[in-house]
Amino acid sequence: RFAGRDSLTLTSNETGLNTRRALGEALRERYAEITAMDRA
């Protein structure tokens, strides 16, 4: 859905350093965290 949109500079879970992430992939994980919080 968000293909072609600007990417984001976020933290890599593997290195702890900045990395570039595709917007749609990052939002998929962000929204999953919100849903998990909601469930808790």
PDB file of all heavy atoms in Angstrom:
ATOM      1  N   ARG A   1       0.828  -1.210   0.000  1.00  0.00           N
ATOM      2  CA  ARG A   1       0.000   0.000   0.000  1.00  0.00           C
ATOM      3  C   ARG A   1       0.863   1.262   0.000  1.00  0.00           C
ATOM      4  O   ARG A   1       0.512   2.267  -0.619  1.00  0.00           O
ATOM      5  CB  ARG A   1      -0.919  -0.010   1.216  1.00  0.00           C
ATOM      6  CG  ARG A   1      -1.909   1.147   1.269  1.00  0.00           C
ATOM      7  CD  ARG A   1      -2.725   1.077   2.555  1.00  0.00           C
ATOM      8  NE  ARG A   1      -3.558  -0.111   2.618  1.00  0.00           N
ATOM      9  CZ  ARG A   1      -4.790  -0.174   2.166  1.00  0.00           C
ATOM     10  NH1 ARG A   1      -5.348   0.887   1.612  1.00  0.00           N
ATOM     11  NH2 ARG A   1      -5.491  -1.286   2.269  1.00  0.00           N
ATOM     12  N   PHE A   2       2.000   1.194   0.704  1.00  0.00           N
ATOM     13  CA  PHE A   2       2.862   2.373   0.811  1.00  0.00           C
ATOM     14  C   PHE A   2       4.110   2.268  -0.062  1.00  0.00           C
ATOM     15  O   PHE A   2       5.080   3.018   0.142  1.00  0.00           O
ATOM     16  CB  PHE A   2       3.263   2.603   2.267  1.00  0.00           C
ATOM     17  CG  PHE A   2       2.131   3.082   3.128  1.00  0.00           C
ATOM     18  CD1 PHE A   2       1.427   2.200   3.932  1.00  0.00           C
ATOM     19  CD2 PHE A   2       1.744   4.412   3.114  1.00  0.00           C
ATOM     20  CE1 PHE A   2       0.369   2.630   4.714  1.00  0.00           C
ATOM     21  CE2 PHE A   2       0.691   4.859   3.892  1.00  0.00           C
ATOM     22  CZ  PHE A   2      -0.003   3.970   4.696  1.00  0.00           C
ATOM     23  N   ALA A   3       4.111   1.363  -1.005  1.00  0.00           N
ATOM     24  CA  ALA A   3       5.254   1.220  -1.901  1.00  0.00           C
ATOM     25  C   ALA A   3       5.500   2.528  -2.648  1.00  0.00           C
ATOM     26  O   ALA A   3       4.568   3.186  -3.100  1.00  0.00           O
ATOM     27  CB  ALA A   3       5.005   0.091  -2.891  1.00  0.00           C
ATOM     28  N   GLY A   4       6.769   2.899  -2.755  1.00  0.00           N
ATOM     29  CA  GLY A   4       7.120   4.131  -3.449  1.00  0.00           C
ATOM     30  C   GLY A   4       7.138   5.355  -2.566  1.00  0.00           C
ATOM     31  O   GLY A   4       7.582   6.428  -2.992  1.00  0.00           O
ATOM     32  N   ARG A   5       6.654   5.241  -1.320  1.00  0.00           N
ATOM     33  CA  ARG A   5       6.701   6.374  -0.403  1.00  0.00           C
ATOM     34  C   ARG A   5       8.099   6.512   0.173  1.00  0.00           C
ATOM     35  O   ARG A   5       8.912   5.598   0.140  1.00  0.00           O
ATOM     36  CB  ARG A   5       5.688   6.177   0.736  1.00  0.00           C
ATOM     37  CG  ARG A   5       4.238   6.149   0.285  1.00  0.00           C
ATOM     38  CD  ARG A   5       3.703   7.533   0.007  1.00  0.00           C
ATOM     39  NE  ARG A   5       3.629   8.318   1.226  1.00  0.00           N
ATOM     40  CZ  ARG A   5       2.538   8.376   2.006  1.00  0.00           C
ATOM     41  NH1 ARG A   5       1.454   7.702   1.682  1.00  0.00           N
ATOM     42  NH2 ARG A   5       2.541   9.130   3.091  1.00  0.00           N
ATOM     43  N   ASP A   6       8.408   7.668   0.733  1.00  0.00           N
ATOM     44  CA  ASP A   6       9.724   7.917   1.312  1.00  0.00           C
ATOM     45  C   ASP A   6      10.035   6.891   2.401  1.00  0.00           C
ATOM     46  O   ASP A   6       9.157   6.456   3.140  1.00  0.00           O
ATOM     47  CB  ASP A   6       9.789   9.316   1.914  1.00  0.00           C
ATOM     48  CG  ASP A   6       9.750  10.408   0.857  1.00  0.00           C
ATOM     49  OD1 ASP A   6      10.041  10.098  -0.315  1.00  0.00           O
ATOM     50  OD2 ASP A   6       9.418  11.550   1.210  1.00  0.00           O
ATOM     51  N   SER A   7      11.310   6.527   2.504  1.00  0.00           N
ATOM     52  CA  SER A   7      11.745   5.629   3.565  1.00  0.00           C
ATOM     53  C   SER A   7      12.051   6.427   4.833  1.00  0.00           C
ATOM     54  O   SER A   7      12.102   7.655   4.813  1.00  0.00           O
ATOM     55  CB  SER A   7      12.978   4.840   3.123  1.00  0.00           C
ATOM     56  OG  SER A   7      14.050   5.722   2.805  1.00  0.00           O
ATOM     57  N   LEU A   8      12.246   5.708   5.931  1.00  0.00           N
ATOM     58  CA  LEU A   8      12.477   6.333   7.225  1.00  0.00           C
ATOM     59  C   LEU A   8      13.829   5.922   7.776  1.00  0.00           C
ATOM     60  O   LEU A   8      14.313   4.814   7.517  1.00  0.00           O
ATOM     61  CB  LEU A   8      11.397   5.885   8.222  1.00  0.00           C
ATOM     62  CG  LEU A   8       9.947   6.161   7.869  1.00  0.00           C
ATOM     63  CD1 LEU A   8       9.029   5.431   8.839  1.00  0.00           C
ATOM     64  CD2 LEU A   8       9.672   7.656   7.900  1.00  0.00           C
ATOM     65  N   THR A   9      14.443   6.793   8.556  1.00  0.00           N
ATOM     66  CA  THR A   9      15.631   6.432   9.316  1.00  0.00           C
ATOM     67  C   THR A   9      15.191   5.974  10.687  1.00  0.00           C
ATOM     68  O   THR A   9      14.638   6.751  11.478  1.00  0.00           O
ATOM     69  CB  THR A   9      16.604   7.623   9.446  1.00  0.00           C
ATOM     70  OG1 THR A   9      17.029   8.027   8.141  1.00  0.00           O
ATOM     71  CG2 THR A   9      17.815   7.244  10.278  1.00  0.00           C
ATOM     72  N   LEU A  10      15.396   4.697  10.980  1.00  0.00           N
ATOM     73  CA  LEU A  10      14.984   4.095  12.241  1.00  0.00           C
ATOM     74  C   LEU A  10      16.131   3.269  12.799  1.00  0.00           C
ATOM     75  O   LEU A  10      17.206   3.195  12.199  1.00  0.00           O
ATOM     76  CB  LEU A  10      13.744   3.212  12.017  1.00  0.00           C
ATOM     77  CG  LEU A  10      12.488   3.919  11.507  1.00  0.00           C
ATOM     78  CD1 LEU A  10      11.435   2.903  11.089  1.00  0.00           C
ATOM     79  CD2 LEU A  10      11.937   4.854  12.567  1.00  0.00           C
ATOM     80  N   THR A  11      15.911   2.641  13.933  1.00  0.00           N
ATOM     81  CA  THR A  11      16.945   1.851  14.587  1.00  0.00           C
ATOM     82  C   THR A  11      16.861   0.402  14.143  1.00  0.00           C
ATOM     83  O   THR A  11      15.768  -0.192  14.106  1.00  0.00           O
ATOM     84  CB  THR A  11      16.796   1.932  16.116  1.00  0.00           C
ATOM     85  OG1 THR A  11      16.835   3.298  16.518  1.00  0.00           O
ATOM     86  CG2 THR A  11      17.911   1.171  16.815  1.00  0.00           C
ATOM     87  N   SER A  12      18.000  -0.192  13.848  1.00  0.00           N
ATOM     88  CA  SER A  12      18.061  -1.611  13.518  1.00  0.00           C
ATOM     89  C   SER A  12      18.002  -2.431  14.795  1.00  0.00           C
ATOM     90  O   SER A  12      18.758  -2.183  15.745  1.00  0.00           O
ATOM     91  CB  SER A  12      19.358  -1.928  12.766  1.00  0.00           C
ATOM     92  OG  SER A  12      19.598  -3.320  12.736  1.00  0.00           O
ATOM     93  N   ASN A  13      17.115  -3.418  14.834  1.00  0.00           N
ATOM     94  CA  ASN A  13      17.059  -4.320  15.981  1.00  0.00           C
ATOM     95  C   ASN A  13      18.283  -5.220  16.064  1.00  0.00           C
ATOM     96  O   ASN A  13      18.582  -5.772  17.129  1.00  0.00           O
ATOM     97  CB  ASN A  13      15.800  -5.190  15.913  1.00  0.00           C
ATOM     98  CG  ASN A  13      14.572  -4.488  16.442  1.00  0.00           C
ATOM     99  OD1 ASN A  13      14.528  -4.108  17.608  1.00  0.00           O
ATOM    100  ND2 ASN A  13      13.573  -4.318  15.593  1.00  0.00           N
ATOM    101  N   GLU A  14      18.999  -5.350  14.969  1.00  0.00           N
ATOM    102  CA  GLU A  14      20.181  -6.200  14.950  1.00  0.00           C
ATOM    103  C   GLU A  14      21.430  -5.464  15.435  1.00  0.00           C
ATOM    104  O   GLU A  14      22.228  -6.014  16.193  1.00  0.00           O
ATOM    105  CB  GLU A  14      20.436  -6.732  13.532  1.00  0.00           C
ATOM    106  CG  GLU A  14      19.464  -7.803  13.085  1.00  0.00           C
ATOM    107  CD  GLU A  14      18.065  -7.246  12.808  1.00  0.00           C
ATOM    108  OE1 GLU A  14      17.972  -6.122  12.258  1.00  0.00           O
ATOM    109  OE2 GLU A  14      17.077  -7.926  13.141  1.00  0.00           O
ATOM    110  N   THR A  15      21.614  -4.208  15.021  1.00  0.00           N
ATOM    111  CA  THR A  15      22.852  -3.489  15.331  1.00  0.00           C
ATOM    112  C   THR A  15      22.678  -2.386  16.368  1.00  0.00           C
ATOM    113  O   THR A  15      23.659  -1.934  16.960  1.00  0.00           O
ATOM    114  CB  THR A  15      23.447  -2.852  14.064  1.00  0.00           C
ATOM    115  OG1 THR A  15      22.563  -1.794  13.609  1.00  0.00           O
ATOM    116  CG2 THR A  15      23.607  -3.892  12.963  1.00  0.00           C
ATOM    117  N   GLY A  16      21.446  -1.917  16.565  1.00  0.00           N
ATOM    118  CA  GLY A  16      21.214  -0.780  17.454  1.00  0.00           C
ATOM    119  C   GLY A  16      21.549   0.554  16.820  1.00  0.00           C
ATOM    120  O   GLY A  16      21.452   1.599  17.468  1.00  0.00           O
ATOM    121  N   LEU A  17      21.931   0.541  15.539  1.00  0.00           N
ATOM    122  CA  LEU A  17      22.327   1.752  14.823  1.00  0.00           C
ATOM    123  C   LEU A  17      21.239   2.148  13.832  1.00  0.00           C
ATOM    124  O   LEU A  17      20.312   1.380  13.552  1.00  0.00           O
ATOM    125  CB  LEU A  17      23.652   1.513  14.093  1.00  0.00           C
ATOM    126  CG  LEU A  17      24.830   1.070  14.973  1.00  0.00           C
ATOM    127  CD1 LEU A  17      26.040   0.747  14.093  1.00  0.00           C
ATOM    128  CD2 LEU A  17      25.177   2.141  16.000  1.00  0.00           C
ATOM    129  N   ASN A  18      21.371   3.350  13.283  1.00  0.00           N
ATOM    130  CA  ASN A  18      20.399   3.823  12.302  1.00  0.00           C
ATOM    131  C   ASN A  18      20.445   2.983  11.037  1.00  0.00           C
ATOM    132  O   ASN A  18      21.510   2.543  10.589  1.00  0.00           O
ATOM    133  CB  ASN A  18      20.673   5.281  11.939  1.00  0.00           C
ATOM    134  CG  ASN A  18      20.243   6.236  13.031  1.00  0.00           C
ATOM    135  OD1 ASN A  18      19.519   5.861  13.948  1.00  0.00           O
ATOM    136  ND2 ASN A  18      20.678   7.479  12.943  1.00  0.00           N
ATOM    137  N   THR A  19      19.264   2.786  10.467  1.00  0.00           N
ATOM    138  CA  THR A  19      19.142   2.094   9.197  1.00  0.00           C
ATOM    139  C   THR A  19      17.961   2.696   8.453  1.00  0.00           C
ATOM    140  O   THR A  19      17.107   3.351   9.051  1.00  0.00           O
ATOM    141  CB  THR A  19      18.942   0.578   9.406  1.00  0.00           C
ATOM    142  OG1 THR A  19      18.994  -0.089   8.155  1.00  0.00           O
ATOM    143  CG2 THR A  19      17.589   0.288  10.051  1.00  0.00           C
ATOM    144  N   ARG A  20      17.920   2.506   7.160  1.00  0.00           N
ATOM    145  CA  ARG A  20      16.781   2.987   6.368  1.00  0.00           C
ATOM    146  C   ARG A  20      15.766   1.866   6.229  1.00  0.00           C
ATOM    147  O   ARG A  20      16.113   0.728   5.936  1.00  0.00           O
ATOM    148  CB  ARG A  20      17.247   3.448   4.982  1.00  0.00           C
ATOM    149  CG  ARG A  20      18.189   4.635   4.993  1.00  0.00           C
ATOM    150  CD  ARG A  20      17.539   5.895   5.520  1.00  0.00           C
ATOM    151  NE  ARG A  20      16.518   6.426   4.619  1.00  0.00           N
ATOM    152  CZ  ARG A  20      15.789   7.508   4.887  1.00  0.00           C
ATOM    153  NH1 ARG A  20      15.948   8.156   6.037  1.00  0.00           N
ATOM    154  NH2 ARG A  20      14.886   7.942   4.025  1.00  0.00           N
ATOM    155  N   ARG A  21      14.486   2.217   6.471  1.00  0.00           N
ATOM    156  CA  ARG A  21      13.415   1.254   6.383  1.00  0.00           C
ATOM    157  C   ARG A  21      12.336   1.773   5.444  1.00  0.00           C
ATOM    158  O   ARG A  21      11.981   2.950   5.481  1.00  0.00           O
ATOM    159  CB  ARG A  21      12.783   1.022   7.761  1.00  0.00           C
ATOM    160  CG  ARG A  21      13.692   0.434   8.838  1.00  0.00           C
ATOM    161  CD  ARG A  21      13.986  -1.040   8.576  1.00  0.00           C
ATOM    162  NE  ARG A  21      12.806  -1.829   8.275  1.00  0.00           N
ATOM    163  CZ  ARG A  21      11.925  -2.273   9.201  1.00  0.00           C
ATOM    164  NH1 ARG A  21      12.096  -1.967  10.482  1.00  0.00           N
ATOM    165  NH2 ARG A  21      10.910  -3.004   8.846  1.00  0.00           N
ATOM    166  N   ALA A  22      11.780   0.888   4.635  1.00  0.00           N
ATOM    167  CA  ALA A  22      10.632   1.252   3.809  1.00  0.00           C
ATOM    168  C   ALA A  22       9.458   1.615   4.714  1.00  0.00           C
ATOM    169  O   ALA A  22       9.228   0.966   5.743  1.00  0.00           O
ATOM    170  CB  ALA A  22      10.261   0.107   2.883  1.00  0.00           C
ATOM    171  N   LEU A  23       8.717   2.657   4.336  1.00  0.00           N
ATOM    172  CA  LEU A  23       7.641   3.151   5.185  1.00  0.00           C
ATOM    173  C   LEU A  23       6.618   2.064   5.499  1.00  0.00           C
ATOM    174  O   LEU A  23       6.231   1.871   6.662  1.00  0.00           O
ATOM    175  CB  LEU A  23       6.958   4.346   4.508  1.00  0.00           C
ATOM    176  CG  LEU A  23       5.747   4.932   5.245  1.00  0.00           C
ATOM    177  CD1 LEU A  23       6.151   5.457   6.616  1.00  0.00           C
ATOM    178  CD2 LEU A  23       5.096   6.032   4.413  1.00  0.00           C
ATOM    179  N   GLY A  24       6.166   1.344   4.497  1.00  0.00           N
ATOM    180  CA  GLY A  24       5.135   0.336   4.728  1.00  0.00           C
ATOM    181  C   GLY A  24       5.591  -0.770   5.661  1.00  0.00           C
ATOM    182  O   GLY A  24       4.825  -1.240   6.510  1.00  0.00           O
ATOM    183  N   GLU A  25       6.845  -1.190   5.538  1.00  0.00           N
ATOM    184  CA  GLU A  25       7.366  -2.234   6.423  1.00  0.00           C
ATOM    185  C   GLU A  25       7.452  -1.735   7.863  1.00  0.00           C
ATOM    186  O   GLU A  25       7.123  -2.462   8.804  1.00  0.00           O
ATOM    187  CB  GLU A  25       8.741  -2.686   5.925  1.00  0.00           C
ATOM    188  CG  GLU A  25       8.717  -3.391   4.582  1.00  0.00           C
ATOM    189  CD  GLU A  25      10.116  -3.700   4.069  1.00  0.00           C
ATOM    190  OE1 GLU A  25      11.087  -3.355   4.786  1.00  0.00           O
ATOM    191  OE2 GLU A  25      10.231  -4.280   2.976  1.00  0.00           O
ATOM    192  N   ALA A  26       7.896  -0.496   8.036  1.00  0.00           N
ATOM    193  CA  ALA A  26       8.006   0.060   9.381  1.00  0.00           C
ATOM    194  C   ALA A  26       6.624   0.240  10.019  1.00  0.00           C
ATOM    195  O   ALA A  26       6.425  -0.080  11.200  1.00  0.00           O
ATOM    196  CB  ALA A  26       8.746   1.390   9.342  1.00  0.00           C
ATOM    197  N   LEU A  27       5.659   0.738   9.237  1.00  0.00           N
ATOM    198  CA  LEU A  27       4.317   0.925   9.784  1.00  0.00           C
ATOM    199  C   LEU A  27       3.684  -0.409  10.139  1.00  0.00           C
ATOM    200  O   LEU A  27       2.937  -0.506  11.127  1.00  0.00           O
ATOM    201  CB  LEU A  27       3.445   1.676   8.786  1.00  0.00           C
ATOM    202  CG  LEU A  27       3.789   3.146   8.557  1.00  0.00           C
ATOM    203  CD1 LEU A  27       2.836   3.759   7.536  1.00  0.00           C
ATOM    204  CD2 LEU A  27       3.762   3.952   9.850  1.00  0.00           C
ATOM    205  N   ARG A  28       3.949  -1.439   9.366  1.00  0.00           N
ATOM    206  CA  ARG A  28       3.420  -2.778   9.683  1.00  0.00           C
ATOM    207  C   ARG A  28       3.850  -3.187  11.090  1.00  0.00           C
ATOM    208  O   ARG A  28       3.042  -3.685  11.887  1.00  0.00           O
ATOM    209  CB  ARG A  28       3.920  -3.777   8.637  1.00  0.00           C
ATOM    210  CG  ARG A  28       3.559  -5.236   8.905  1.00  0.00           C
ATOM    211  CD  ARG A  28       3.997  -6.092   7.715  1.00  0.00           C
ATOM    212  NE  ARG A  28       3.768  -7.507   7.934  1.00  0.00           N
ATOM    213  CZ  ARG A  28       4.716  -8.368   8.296  1.00  0.00           C
ATOM    214  NH1 ARG A  28       5.967  -7.949   8.476  1.00  0.00           N
ATOM    215  NH2 ARG A  28       4.422  -9.646   8.464  1.00  0.00           N
ATOM    216  N   GLU A  29       5.107  -2.946  11.410  1.00  0.00           N
ATOM    217  CA  GLU A  29       5.612  -3.317  12.734  1.00  0.00           C
ATOM    218  C   GLU A  29       5.120  -2.357  13.810  1.00  0.00           C
ATOM    219  O   GLU A  29       4.787  -2.774  14.929  1.00  0.00           O
ATOM    220  CB  GLU A  29       7.137  -3.371  12.698  1.00  0.00           C
ATOM    221  CG  GLU A  29       7.667  -4.461  11.781  1.00  0.00           C
ATOM    222  CD  GLU A  29       9.166  -4.372  11.570  1.00  0.00           C
ATOM    223  OE1 GLU A  29       9.799  -3.462  12.151  1.00  0.00           O
ATOM    224  OE2 GLU A  29       9.708  -5.207  10.825  1.00  0.00           O
ATOM    225  N   ARG A  30       5.067  -1.069  13.497  1.00  0.00           N
ATOM    226  CA  ARG A  30       4.571  -0.088  14.472  1.00  0.00           C
ATOM    227  C   ARG A  30       3.126  -0.390  14.857  1.00  0.00           C
ATOM    228  O   ARG A  30       2.773  -0.413  16.037  1.00  0.00           O
ATOM    229  CB  ARG A  30       4.683   1.319  13.887  1.00  0.00           C
ATOM    230  CG  ARG A  30       4.094   2.409  14.786  1.00  0.00           C
ATOM    231  CD  ARG A  30       4.257   3.806  14.191  1.00  0.00           C
ATOM    232  NE  ARG A  30       3.599   4.790  15.045  1.00  0.00           N
ATOM    233  CZ  ARG A  30       4.140   5.358  16.122  1.00  0.00           C
ATOM    234  NH1 ARG A  30       5.369   5.015  16.480  1.00  0.00           N
ATOM    235  NH2 ARG A  30       3.494   6.236  16.845  1.00  0.00           N
ATOM    236  N   TYR A  31       2.301  -0.620  13.853  1.00  0.00           N
ATOM    237  CA  TYR A  31       0.897  -0.886  14.128  1.00  0.00           C
ATOM    238  C   TYR A  31       0.716  -2.215  14.867  1.00  0.00           C
ATOM    239  O   TYR A  31      -0.186  -2.355  15.699  1.00  0.00           O
ATOM    240  CB  TYR A  31       0.090  -0.874  12.845  1.00  0.00           C
ATOM    241  CG  TYR A  31       0.051   0.472  12.132  1.00  0.00           C
ATOM    242  CD1 TYR A  31      -0.421   0.584  10.828  1.00  0.00           C
ATOM    243  CD2 TYR A  31       0.487   1.635  12.768  1.00  0.00           C
ATOM    244  CE1 TYR A  31      -0.473   1.814  10.182  1.00  0.00           C
ATOM    245  CE2 TYR A  31       0.452   2.858  12.131  1.00  0.00           C
ATOM    246  CZ  TYR A  31      -0.020   2.948  10.827  1.00  0.00           C
ATOM    247  OH  TYR A  31      -0.057   4.160  10.182  1.00  0.00           O
ATOM    248  N   ALA A  32       1.576  -3.192  14.590  1.00  0.00           N
ATOM    249  CA  ALA A  32       1.524  -4.454  15.332  1.00  0.00           C
ATOM    250  C   ALA A  32       1.806  -4.213  16.809  1.00  0.00           C
ATOM    251  O   ALA A  32       1.178  -4.838  17.688  1.00  0.00           O
ATOM    252  CB  ALA A  32       2.528  -5.446  14.750  1.00  0.00           C
ATOM    253  N   GLU A  33       2.741  -3.301  17.117  1.00  0.00           N
ATOM    254  CA  GLU A  33       3.021  -2.980  18.518  1.00  0.00           C
ATOM    255  C   GLU A  33       1.814  -2.327  19.184  1.00  0.00           C
ATOM    256  O   GLU A  33       1.501  -2.614  20.352  1.00  0.00           O
ATOM    257  CB  GLU A  33       4.232  -2.050  18.614  1.00  0.00           C
ATOM    258  CG  GLU A  33       5.564  -2.725  18.351  1.00  0.00           C
ATOM    259  CD  GLU A  33       6.741  -1.959  18.930  1.00  0.00           C
ATOM    260  OE1 GLU A  33       6.537  -1.173  19.881  1.00  0.00           O
ATOM    261  OE2 GLU A  33       7.869  -2.150  18.439  1.00  0.00           O
ATOM    262  N   ILE A  34       1.143  -1.433  18.472  1.00  0.00           N
ATOM    263  CA  ILE A  34      -0.032  -0.780  19.048  1.00  0.00           C
ATOM    264  C   ILE A  34      -1.126  -1.798  19.316  1.00  0.00           C
ATOM    265  O   ILE A  34      -1.792  -1.769  20.367  1.00  0.00           O
ATOM    266  CB  ILE A  34      -0.528   0.343  18.113  1.00  0.00           C
ATOM    267  CG1 ILE A  34       0.512   1.476  18.048  1.00  0.00           C
ATOM    268  CG2 ILE A  34      -1.881   0.882  18.576  1.00  0.00           C
ATOM    269  CD1 ILE A  34       0.196   2.564  17.044  1.00  0.00           C
ATOM    270  N   THR A  35      -1.327  -2.728  18.391  1.00  0.00           N
ATOM    271  CA  THR A  35      -2.343  -3.765  18.577  1.00  0.00           C
ATOM    272  C   THR A  35      -1.997  -4.661  19.756  1.00  0.00           C
ATOM    273  O   THR A  35      -2.880  -5.058  20.537  1.00  0.00           O
ATOM    274  CB  THR A  35      -2.504  -4.583  17.282  1.00  0.00           C
ATOM    275  OG1 THR A  35      -3.064  -3.736  16.267  1.00  0.00           O
ATOM    276  CG2 THR A  35      -3.399  -5.795  17.488  1.00  0.00           C
ATOM    277  N   ALA A  36      -0.710  -4.992  19.922  1.00  0.00           N
ATOM    278  CA  ALA A  36      -0.300  -5.820  21.060  1.00  0.00           C
ATOM    279  C   ALA A  36      -0.525  -5.078  22.383  1.00  0.00           C
ATOM    280  O   ALA A  36      -0.964  -5.671  23.378  1.00  0.00           O
ATOM    281  CB  ALA A  36       1.162  -6.223  20.914  1.00  0.00           C
ATOM    282  N   MET A  37      -0.216  -3.798  22.400  1.00  0.00           N
ATOM    283  CA  MET A  37      -0.471  -2.991  23.593  1.00  0.00           C
ATOM    284  C   MET A  37      -1.960  -2.959  23.899  1.00  0.00           C
ATOM    285  O   MET A  37      -2.383  -3.100  25.063  1.00  0.00           O
ATOM    286  CB  MET A  37       0.072  -1.572  23.382  1.00  0.00           C
ATOM    287  CG  MET A  37      -0.172  -0.620  24.522  1.00  0.00           C
ATOM    288  SD  MET A  37       0.576   1.018  24.246  1.00  0.00           S
ATOM    289  CE  MET A  37      -0.424   1.626  22.868  1.00  0.00           C
ATOM    290  N   ASP A  38      -2.763  -2.768  22.875  1.00  0.00           N
ATOM    291  CA  ASP A  38      -4.220  -2.752  23.026  1.00  0.00           C
ATOM    292  C   ASP A  38      -4.704  -4.078  23.624  1.00  0.00           C
ATOM    293  O   ASP A  38      -5.543  -4.095  24.529  1.00  0.00           O
ATOM    294  CB  ASP A  38      -4.838  -2.498  21.649  1.00  0.00           C
ATOM    295  CG  ASP A  38      -6.346  -2.360  21.682  1.00  0.00           C
ATOM    296  OD1 ASP A  38      -6.833  -1.242  21.917  1.00  0.00           O
ATOM    297  OD2 ASP A  38      -7.036  -3.379  21.459  1.00  0.00           O
ATOM    298  N   ARG A  39      -4.170  -5.184  23.141  1.00  0.00           N
ATOM    299  CA  ARG A  39      -4.576  -6.504  23.649  1.00  0.00           C
ATOM    300  C   ARG A  39      -4.189  -6.664  25.124  1.00  0.00           C
ATOM    301  O   ARG A  39      -4.947  -7.228  25.928  1.00  0.00           O
ATOM    302  CB  ARG A  39      -3.942  -7.605  22.813  1.00  0.00           C
ATOM    303  CG  ARG A  39      -4.370  -9.006  23.240  1.00  0.00           C
ATOM    304  CD  ARG A  39      -3.858 -10.086  22.304  1.00  0.00           C
ATOM    305  NE  ARG A  39      -2.413 -10.074  22.193  1.00  0.00           N
ATOM    306  CZ  ARG A  39      -1.747  -9.683  21.106  1.00  0.00           C
ATOM    307  NH1 ARG A  39      -2.399  -9.280  20.031  1.00  0.00           N
ATOM    308  NH2 ARG A  39      -0.426  -9.712  21.087  1.00  0.00           N
ATOM    309  N   ALA A  40      -3.002  -6.159  25.502  1.00  0.00           N
ATOM    310  CA  ALA A  40      -2.576  -6.247  26.899  1.00  0.00           C
ATOM    311  C   ALA A  40      -3.522  -5.453  27.803  1.00  0.00           C
ATOM    312  O   ALA A  40      -3.852  -5.888  28.916  1.00  0.00           O
ATOM    313  CB  ALA A  40      -1.139  -5.741  27.035  1.00  0.00           C
TER     314      ALA A  40
END
